[in-house]
Protein backbone atom coordinates (compact mmCIF):
# COMPACT_ATOMS: atom_id res chain seq x y z
CA MET A 1 95.61 98.41 79.30
CA ARG A 2 92.38 97.50 77.51
CA SER A 3 90.56 94.29 76.63
CA MET A 4 91.82 91.60 74.25
CA ALA A 5 88.71 89.39 74.35
CA TRP A 6 88.17 87.42 71.15
CA THR A 7 84.39 87.60 70.77
CA SER A 8 83.29 84.88 68.36
CA ALA A 9 82.83 81.16 68.26
CA VAL A 10 86.11 80.76 66.34
CA LEU A 11 88.37 83.54 67.60
CA ALA A 12 87.02 84.00 71.15
CA CYS A 13 89.81 83.28 71.56
CA ALA A 14 111.17 79.04 80.39
CA ALA A 15 113.28 77.93 81.59
CA ALA A 16 115.08 80.38 83.87
CA LEU A 17 116.84 83.11 81.91
CA ALA A 18 120.56 82.43 81.54
CA GLY A 19 122.71 85.17 82.88
CA CYS A 20 120.19 86.62 85.34
CA GLN A 21 121.65 88.30 88.35
CA GLN A 22 121.81 86.15 91.45
CA LYS A 23 120.04 87.59 94.45
CA ALA A 24 122.19 88.58 97.37
CA ALA A 25 121.93 86.68 100.60
CA PRO A 26 118.98 87.81 102.77
CA VAL A 27 119.66 90.69 105.10
CA ALA A 28 117.78 92.02 108.09
CA VAL A 29 114.87 94.31 107.31
CA ASP A 30 115.39 97.90 108.45
CA ARG A 31 112.06 99.27 109.65
CA ASP A 32 113.40 102.65 110.75
CA TYR A 33 114.55 103.94 107.35
CA GLN A 34 111.01 104.80 106.19
CA LYS A 35 110.95 108.14 108.02
CA VAL A 36 114.41 109.07 106.73
CA LEU A 37 113.55 108.46 103.06
CA ILE A 38 110.13 110.11 103.26
CA GLU A 39 111.73 113.25 104.68
CA ARG A 40 114.48 113.26 102.04
CA LEU A 41 111.90 112.99 99.25
CA LEU A 42 109.80 115.78 100.78
CA ASP A 43 112.82 118.06 101.24
CA ALA A 44 114.44 117.29 97.88
CA LYS A 45 115.56 120.15 95.64
CA PRO A 46 116.38 120.17 91.91
CA GLY A 47 119.76 118.57 91.34
CA ASP A 48 119.67 116.41 94.45
CA VAL A 49 120.97 112.83 94.34
CA ILE A 50 119.38 110.66 97.00
CA ASP A 51 121.58 107.64 97.64
CA ILE A 52 119.95 104.67 99.35
CA PRO A 53 122.42 102.23 100.88
CA ALA A 54 122.43 98.47 100.51
CA GLY A 55 119.88 96.73 102.67
CA THR A 56 116.24 95.76 102.81
CA PHE A 57 113.99 98.57 104.01
CA ALA A 58 110.35 98.14 105.01
CA PHE A 59 107.59 100.63 104.18
CA ASP A 60 103.94 100.60 105.24
CA ARG A 61 102.87 103.51 103.01
CA SER A 62 103.54 104.87 99.53
CA LEU A 63 106.50 107.08 98.74
CA SER A 64 106.08 110.17 96.56
CA LEU A 65 108.25 112.74 94.81
CA ARG A 66 107.03 116.02 93.30
CA VAL A 67 110.28 117.90 92.67
CA ASP A 68 111.97 118.11 89.25
CA GLY A 69 115.59 117.17 88.67
CA VAL A 70 116.04 114.49 91.35
CA THR A 71 118.02 111.24 91.09
CA LEU A 72 117.13 108.30 93.32
CA ARG A 73 119.97 105.75 93.43
CA GLY A 74 120.53 102.45 95.18
CA ALA A 75 123.49 100.07 95.43
CA GLY A 76 122.03 97.51 92.99
CA MET A 77 118.71 95.90 92.15
CA ASP A 78 119.48 92.97 94.45
CA LYS A 79 121.29 94.98 97.12
CA THR A 80 118.95 97.89 97.83
CA VAL A 81 115.41 96.58 98.36
CA LEU A 82 112.38 98.71 99.21
CA SER A 83 109.84 96.24 100.60
CA PHE A 84 106.15 97.11 100.71
CA ARG A 85 105.00 93.72 101.89
CA ASN A 86 103.19 95.26 104.87
CA GLN A 87 101.91 98.32 103.04
CA LYS A 88 98.77 99.74 104.63
CA SER A 89 98.18 102.99 102.72
CA GLY A 90 98.74 104.35 99.24
CA ALA A 91 98.23 102.81 95.83
CA GLU A 92 101.83 102.64 94.59
CA GLY A 93 105.24 101.82 95.92
CA LEU A 94 106.67 105.08 94.54
CA LEU A 95 104.64 107.80 92.79
CA VAL A 96 106.55 110.49 90.88
CA ASN A 97 104.97 113.66 89.50
CA ALA A 98 108.11 115.36 88.23
CA SER A 99 110.40 115.85 85.24
CA ASP A 100 114.14 115.24 84.79
CA PHE A 101 113.84 112.23 87.07
CA THR A 102 116.26 109.31 87.28
CA ILE A 103 115.86 106.16 89.33
CA GLU A 104 118.47 103.42 89.23
CA ASN A 105 119.97 100.38 90.89
CA LEU A 106 117.33 99.36 93.39
CA ALA A 107 114.34 97.07 93.82
CA ILE A 108 110.71 97.66 94.73
CA GLU A 109 109.04 94.56 96.10
CA ASP A 110 105.49 93.55 96.94
CA SER A 111 103.76 96.92 96.58
CA LYS A 112 100.02 96.97 97.16
CA GLY A 113 99.42 98.52 93.74
CA ASP A 114 101.79 99.65 90.98
CA GLY A 115 105.49 99.39 91.74
CA LEU A 116 106.70 102.68 90.21
CA LYS A 117 104.34 105.17 88.58
CA VAL A 118 105.64 108.30 86.85
CA ASN A 119 102.90 110.70 85.82
CA GLU A 120 103.15 113.68 83.44
CA GLY A 121 106.91 114.13 83.49
CA GLU A 122 109.55 114.72 80.82
CA ASN A 123 113.06 113.29 80.59
CA ILE A 124 112.51 110.15 82.64
CA THR A 125 115.24 107.52 83.10
CA ILE A 126 114.51 104.18 84.79
CA ARG A 127 117.66 102.07 84.87
CA GLY A 128 118.58 98.87 86.65
CA VAL A 129 115.34 98.74 88.65
CA ARG A 130 113.73 95.47 89.68
CA VAL A 131 110.02 95.39 90.52
CA GLU A 132 108.85 92.06 91.82
CA TRP A 133 105.97 90.44 93.62
CA THR A 134 107.94 87.76 95.38
CA ARG A 135 105.14 85.20 95.64
CA GLY A 136 105.11 84.98 91.85
CA PRO A 137 102.02 85.30 89.64
CA HIS A 138 98.98 86.07 91.79
CA THR A 139 95.70 87.88 91.22
CA ASP A 140 96.28 90.16 94.21
CA ASN A 141 99.62 91.47 92.95
CA GLY A 142 99.86 95.08 91.84
CA ALA A 143 98.76 95.88 88.30
CA TYR A 144 101.87 97.56 86.80
CA GLY A 145 105.56 97.23 87.56
CA LEU A 146 107.13 100.21 85.77
CA TYR A 147 104.37 102.62 84.72
CA PRO A 148 105.24 105.93 83.01
CA VAL A 149 102.05 107.56 81.73
CA GLN A 150 101.56 110.89 79.90
CA THR A 151 105.32 111.34 79.77
CA LYS A 152 107.87 112.43 77.17
CA ASN A 153 111.47 111.35 76.53
CA VAL A 154 111.45 108.07 78.44
CA LEU A 155 114.32 105.58 78.79
CA ILE A 156 113.72 102.24 80.52
CA GLU A 157 116.77 100.00 80.42
CA ASP A 158 118.32 97.00 82.17
CA CYS A 159 115.31 96.48 84.42
CA VAL A 160 113.52 93.34 85.64
CA VAL A 161 109.79 93.02 86.34
CA ILE A 162 108.21 89.86 87.71
CA GLY A 163 104.64 89.08 88.72
CA ALA A 164 102.56 92.12 87.66
CA SER A 165 98.86 91.29 87.37
CA ASP A 166 98.52 93.64 84.37
CA ALA A 167 101.74 94.72 82.62
CA GLY A 168 105.33 94.47 83.81
CA VAL A 169 106.69 97.39 81.78
CA TYR A 170 103.91 99.70 80.61
CA VAL A 171 104.29 103.02 78.80
CA GLY A 172 101.01 104.77 78.09
CA GLN A 173 99.99 108.01 76.34
CA SER A 174 103.62 109.02 76.03
CA GLU A 175 106.02 110.20 73.35
CA THR A 176 109.64 109.45 72.40
CA ILE A 177 110.35 106.21 74.24
CA ILE A 178 113.15 103.66 74.39
CA VAL A 179 112.58 100.37 76.23
CA ARG A 180 115.68 98.20 75.99
CA ARG A 181 117.55 95.30 77.58
CA ASN A 182 114.84 94.61 80.13
CA ARG A 183 113.53 91.26 81.33
CA ALA A 184 109.78 90.78 81.82
CA GLU A 185 108.84 87.44 83.32
CA ARG A 186 105.65 85.90 84.74
CA ASN A 187 103.49 88.99 84.25
CA VAL A 188 100.12 89.00 82.50
CA ALA A 189 101.59 91.31 79.84
CA GLY A 190 105.37 91.48 79.75
CA ILE A 191 105.91 94.82 77.99
CA GLU A 192 103.17 97.08 76.70
CA ILE A 193 103.20 100.27 74.63
CA GLU A 194 99.75 101.85 74.58
CA ASN A 195 98.50 104.99 72.80
CA SER A 196 102.06 106.25 72.52
CA LYS A 197 104.11 107.81 69.71
CA PHE A 198 107.67 107.04 68.59
CA ALA A 199 108.72 104.04 70.67
CA ASP A 200 111.66 101.68 70.17
CA VAL A 201 111.38 98.40 72.07
CA TYR A 202 114.54 96.33 71.60
CA GLY A 203 116.98 93.93 73.18
CA ASN A 204 114.40 92.82 75.75
CA THR A 205 113.55 89.34 76.96
CA ALA A 206 109.88 88.47 77.52
CA ILE A 207 109.39 84.93 78.82
CA ASP A 208 106.74 83.09 80.82
CA ASN A 209 104.21 85.92 80.62
CA THR A 210 100.62 85.48 79.44
CA GLY A 211 101.46 87.78 76.51
CA GLY A 212 105.02 88.83 75.70
CA ILE A 213 105.05 92.29 74.05
CA LEU A 214 101.87 94.28 73.35
CA VAL A 215 101.31 97.37 71.19
CA PHE A 216 97.80 98.73 71.62
CA ASP A 217 95.91 101.83 70.54
CA MET A 218 92.64 101.93 72.40
CA PRO A 219 89.63 104.28 72.39
CA ASN A 220 88.42 106.87 74.87
CA LEU A 221 91.90 108.07 75.75
CA PRO A 222 93.06 111.65 75.12
CA ARG A 223 96.12 110.60 73.09
CA ARG A 224 96.50 108.39 70.02
CA GLY A 225 99.60 106.41 69.20
CA HIS A 226 101.70 105.43 66.18
CA SER A 227 105.25 104.59 65.10
CA THR A 228 106.49 101.75 67.30
CA ARG A 229 109.43 99.50 66.41
CA VAL A 230 109.75 96.12 68.13
CA PHE A 231 113.08 94.53 67.23
CA GLY A 232 115.95 92.45 68.52
CA ASN A 233 113.85 90.99 71.33
CA ARG A 234 113.54 87.43 72.64
CA VAL A 235 109.83 86.58 73.03
CA VAL A 236 109.66 82.94 73.98
CA GLY A 237 107.31 80.64 75.88
CA ASN A 238 104.77 83.17 77.06
CA ASN A 239 102.29 80.56 78.22
CA THR A 240 101.53 81.51 81.81
CA ASP A 241 97.85 81.21 82.68
CA ASN A 242 96.15 84.58 82.89
CA PHE A 243 96.00 85.63 86.53
CA ALA A 244 94.50 89.11 86.14
CA ARG A 245 91.65 90.17 88.38
CA LYS A 246 88.21 89.05 87.24
CA GLY A 247 86.67 91.79 85.12
CA ALA A 248 89.99 93.50 84.41
CA ALA A 249 90.66 94.33 80.77
CA VAL A 250 93.72 92.09 80.57
CA ALA A 251 91.82 89.12 81.98
CA SER A 252 90.91 88.18 78.40
CA VAL A 253 94.45 88.13 76.94
CA PRO A 254 94.93 84.52 75.82
CA ALA A 255 97.80 82.63 77.37
CA GLY A 256 100.37 81.73 74.75
CA SER A 257 100.53 85.12 73.00
CA GLY A 258 103.92 86.30 71.74
CA ILE A 259 103.71 89.78 70.21
CA VAL A 260 100.19 91.25 70.13
CA LEU A 261 98.98 94.29 68.18
CA ASN A 262 95.52 95.75 68.66
CA SER A 263 94.30 98.68 66.55
CA ALA A 264 97.86 100.02 66.35
CA ASP A 265 99.16 101.92 63.32
CA LYS A 266 102.69 102.19 61.97
CA VAL A 267 104.24 99.25 63.78
CA GLU A 268 107.39 97.48 62.58
CA ILE A 269 108.29 94.07 64.03
CA PHE A 270 111.65 92.73 62.90
CA ASP A 271 114.81 90.83 63.89
CA ASN A 272 113.13 89.20 66.89
CA ASP A 273 113.45 85.63 68.17
CA ILE A 274 109.82 84.58 68.66
CA GLY A 275 108.93 81.05 69.58
CA ASP A 276 106.94 78.47 71.51
CA ASN A 277 104.02 80.78 72.28
CA LYS A 278 101.22 78.23 72.30
CA THR A 279 98.36 80.39 70.95
CA ALA A 280 100.29 82.34 68.31
CA ASN A 281 103.69 83.92 67.95
CA VAL A 282 102.15 87.12 66.55
CA ILE A 283 98.52 88.28 66.87
CA ILE A 284 97.19 91.25 64.86
CA SER A 285 93.69 92.39 65.72
CA SER A 286 91.26 95.27 65.43
CA TYR A 287 89.09 96.90 68.02
CA TRP A 288 86.19 94.83 66.70
CA SER A 289 87.72 91.73 68.26
CA THR A 290 87.65 93.19 71.77
CA GLY A 291 84.97 93.10 74.42
CA TYR A 292 85.78 96.66 75.48
CA MET A 293 83.33 98.19 72.98
CA ASN A 294 80.35 96.41 74.45
CA LYS A 295 80.53 98.49 77.59
CA TYR A 296 81.97 101.84 76.54
CA GLY A 297 81.58 102.43 72.81
CA VAL A 298 84.00 104.67 70.91
CA SER A 299 84.32 108.23 69.70
CA LYS A 300 83.60 108.96 66.04
CA ASP A 301 87.21 109.82 65.20
CA TYR A 302 88.68 106.58 66.58
CA ASP A 303 90.39 104.31 64.03
CA PRO A 304 89.79 100.70 65.11
CA TYR A 305 91.96 99.01 62.45
CA PRO A 306 95.65 98.06 62.60
CA GLU A 307 97.30 99.68 59.57
CA GLU A 308 100.81 100.10 58.18
CA VAL A 309 102.02 97.05 60.11
CA TYR A 310 105.23 95.46 58.80
CA VAL A 311 106.40 92.08 60.13
CA HIS A 312 109.69 90.94 58.59
CA GLY A 313 113.05 89.35 59.25
CA ASN A 314 112.07 87.55 62.44
CA ARG A 315 113.19 84.10 63.56
CA PHE A 316 110.15 81.97 64.41
CA GLN A 317 110.11 78.60 66.10
CA GLY A 318 107.24 76.42 67.29
CA GLY A 319 104.12 78.00 68.73
CA GLY A 320 100.43 77.69 67.87
CA ASP A 321 100.28 74.07 69.02
CA SER A 322 97.95 74.46 72.01
CA PRO A 323 95.99 77.73 71.80
CA ASP A 324 94.17 79.07 74.82
CA GLY A 325 90.40 78.54 74.81
CA LEU A 326 88.12 75.94 73.28
CA ASP A 327 87.30 78.06 70.22
CA LEU A 328 90.90 78.49 69.16
CA LYS A 329 91.62 74.86 69.88
CA ALA A 330 88.72 73.94 67.59
CA LEU A 331 90.03 76.32 64.93
CA ARG A 332 93.46 74.69 65.03
CA VAL A 333 92.02 71.20 64.60
CA ALA A 334 89.56 72.25 61.90
CA MET A 335 92.21 74.03 59.84
CA PHE A 336 95.33 71.96 60.47
CA GLY A 337 94.33 68.62 62.00
CA LEU A 338 94.93 67.02 65.37
CA SER A 339 98.69 67.34 65.18
CA GLY A 340 98.79 70.67 63.36
CA ARG A 341 99.49 74.15 64.66
CA LEU A 342 98.32 77.66 63.95
CA PRO A 343 100.73 79.61 61.73
CA ASP A 344 103.09 82.23 63.10
CA VAL A 345 100.69 85.13 62.51
CA LEU A 346 97.01 85.17 63.52
CA TRP A 347 94.91 88.04 62.11
CA ASP A 348 91.27 88.66 62.98
CA GLY A 349 90.47 89.65 59.39
CA PHE A 350 89.00 93.10 59.98
CA ALA A 351 90.20 95.67 57.41
CA ASN A 352 89.30 99.26 56.73
CA ALA A 353 87.11 99.19 53.63
CA LYS A 354 87.67 102.91 53.08
CA ARG A 355 91.37 102.43 52.37
CA SER A 356 92.11 101.87 48.70
CA GLN A 357 95.29 99.97 49.63
CA GLY A 358 93.58 97.37 51.80
CA PRO A 359 94.52 96.43 55.37
CA GLN A 360 98.09 97.67 55.08
CA ILE A 361 99.52 94.64 56.86
CA CYS A 362 102.66 93.17 55.33
CA VAL A 363 104.25 89.94 56.53
CA GLU A 364 107.52 88.46 55.28
CA GLY A 365 109.33 85.37 56.51
CA ALA A 366 106.57 83.79 58.63
CA SER A 367 105.08 80.31 58.23
CA GLY A 368 101.83 81.97 57.22
CA VAL A 369 99.02 84.32 58.18
CA LEU A 370 95.66 82.91 59.25
CA ASN A 371 92.74 85.21 58.43
CA ALA A 372 90.12 84.35 61.05
CA ASP A 373 87.32 86.01 59.01
CA GLY A 374 86.02 88.22 61.78
CA PRO A 375 83.77 90.34 59.53
CA ASN A 376 81.75 87.21 58.68
CA LYS A 377 81.52 86.07 62.28
CA TYR A 378 84.50 83.78 61.76
CA LYS A 379 82.60 81.37 59.58
CA SER A 380 85.26 80.87 56.91
CA PRO A 381 88.82 81.27 58.22
CA SER A 382 91.52 80.90 55.59
CA MET A 383 95.18 81.41 54.96
CA ALA A 384 95.94 84.92 53.75
CA GLY A 385 97.54 84.98 50.34
CA ASP A 386 99.57 87.35 48.25
CA ALA A 387 97.87 90.49 49.59
CA MET A 388 100.05 90.35 52.71
CA ARG A 389 103.28 89.38 50.94
CA CYS A 390 104.42 92.97 50.66
CA SER A 391 106.70 95.52 52.24
CA LEU A 392 106.25 98.94 53.81
CA PRO A 393 108.60 101.85 54.44
CA ARG A 394 110.89 101.35 57.42
CA LEU A 395 110.17 103.43 60.48
CA PRO A 396 112.86 105.82 61.76
CA GLN A 397 114.90 105.10 64.87
CA VAL A 398 114.00 106.87 68.09
CA SER A 399 116.44 109.12 69.88
CA LEU A 400 116.16 110.92 73.18
CA PRO A 401 117.20 114.52 72.64
CA THR A 402 117.98 115.24 76.27
CA THR A 403 120.46 112.39 76.64
CA GLY A 404 121.69 111.75 73.13
CA VAL A 405 120.68 108.11 73.52
CA ALA A 406 119.68 106.53 70.21
CA ALA A 407 118.38 103.14 69.22
CA THR A 408 120.27 101.18 66.60
CA ALA A 409 118.89 99.19 63.74
CA LYS A 410 120.64 95.95 64.76
CA VAL A 411 120.76 94.76 68.35
CA ALA A 412 121.68 91.31 69.63
CA PRO A 413 118.78 89.79 71.60
CA ALA A 414 119.18 89.59 75.34
CA ALA A 415 120.66 86.34 76.58
């Protein structure tokens, strides 16, 4: 995850979810199971299914798996609990460096760092997994809940992530991805797709995060991203104060952000319920509105502009009434008065002058698009006009060739 710091004087800038599973009654913590599971993971062979019974099991060190073709299965996300509350060594709860991996029906709680990290694997299924920091939002929580990176053919479904100090569900530098029917709550970023290609994010619920759903394409990474569809999601009330560690990239994500794009190309946002995000329901920005460049710079071939972005057919409600930060608050009052609100879409105004077709951002069905005038140091913000009342070609659905799982064009939002 990279920085979202608005860098000018103008743009420097929940209720409980119905139908959530009820947690089972507390059970005694088994402190002797650690050795058993560590040995089973070390001795695993391709094709093995490792069943973990119901119960709460304590671990003081990370777990790891390096064998392809293994399934790790519990009795349910509120029945089989792997607790890392007293973790003394290791950065993650579970680290997987393997392909053809499935994990399902269990919980990972209170890991020192990331809950589940999957690195450089193919054909990854994460199903019915809960990752939670049980004290709620806290700066010392682990950064990522579910964290596949440099992977291919990834399915994340029916999971719950609560309390991550960076991103609850994060997929980075990966290809062919489906993220569906998950709940991300009280994280800094609920769900994030970064520098990844061909991702469908649908049927998810993102509530009470700092930012709901993020699609970023950031510099100085070996892979570039494009072609992400965000649809059929419920992105409501993401107004939790940012609790990231001081100096972390996500520490500058403004509270009250619904769906956020930064420097991402070929993104389609449609058929979502987006509302009551106090800064803006949708934010579209370029790399030039981040603080990341001040420290690292960028390679010559990096494209900093969001292009071929199509926002249409969403259901907006509220939002923009109390943006995070004095500069955005001043912008709201200056543009819309004391009782006014920012429109549904906030755009930093940076466009690629080399493109003959302009910024390639099309918005239909929103209350408006506010151009913050970033290229002129935000001196003259204005409402975008007809240039953004356009349409773009629809992106294709994503399918996972190893499982036959395919996204559909119409999905009812999660309850």
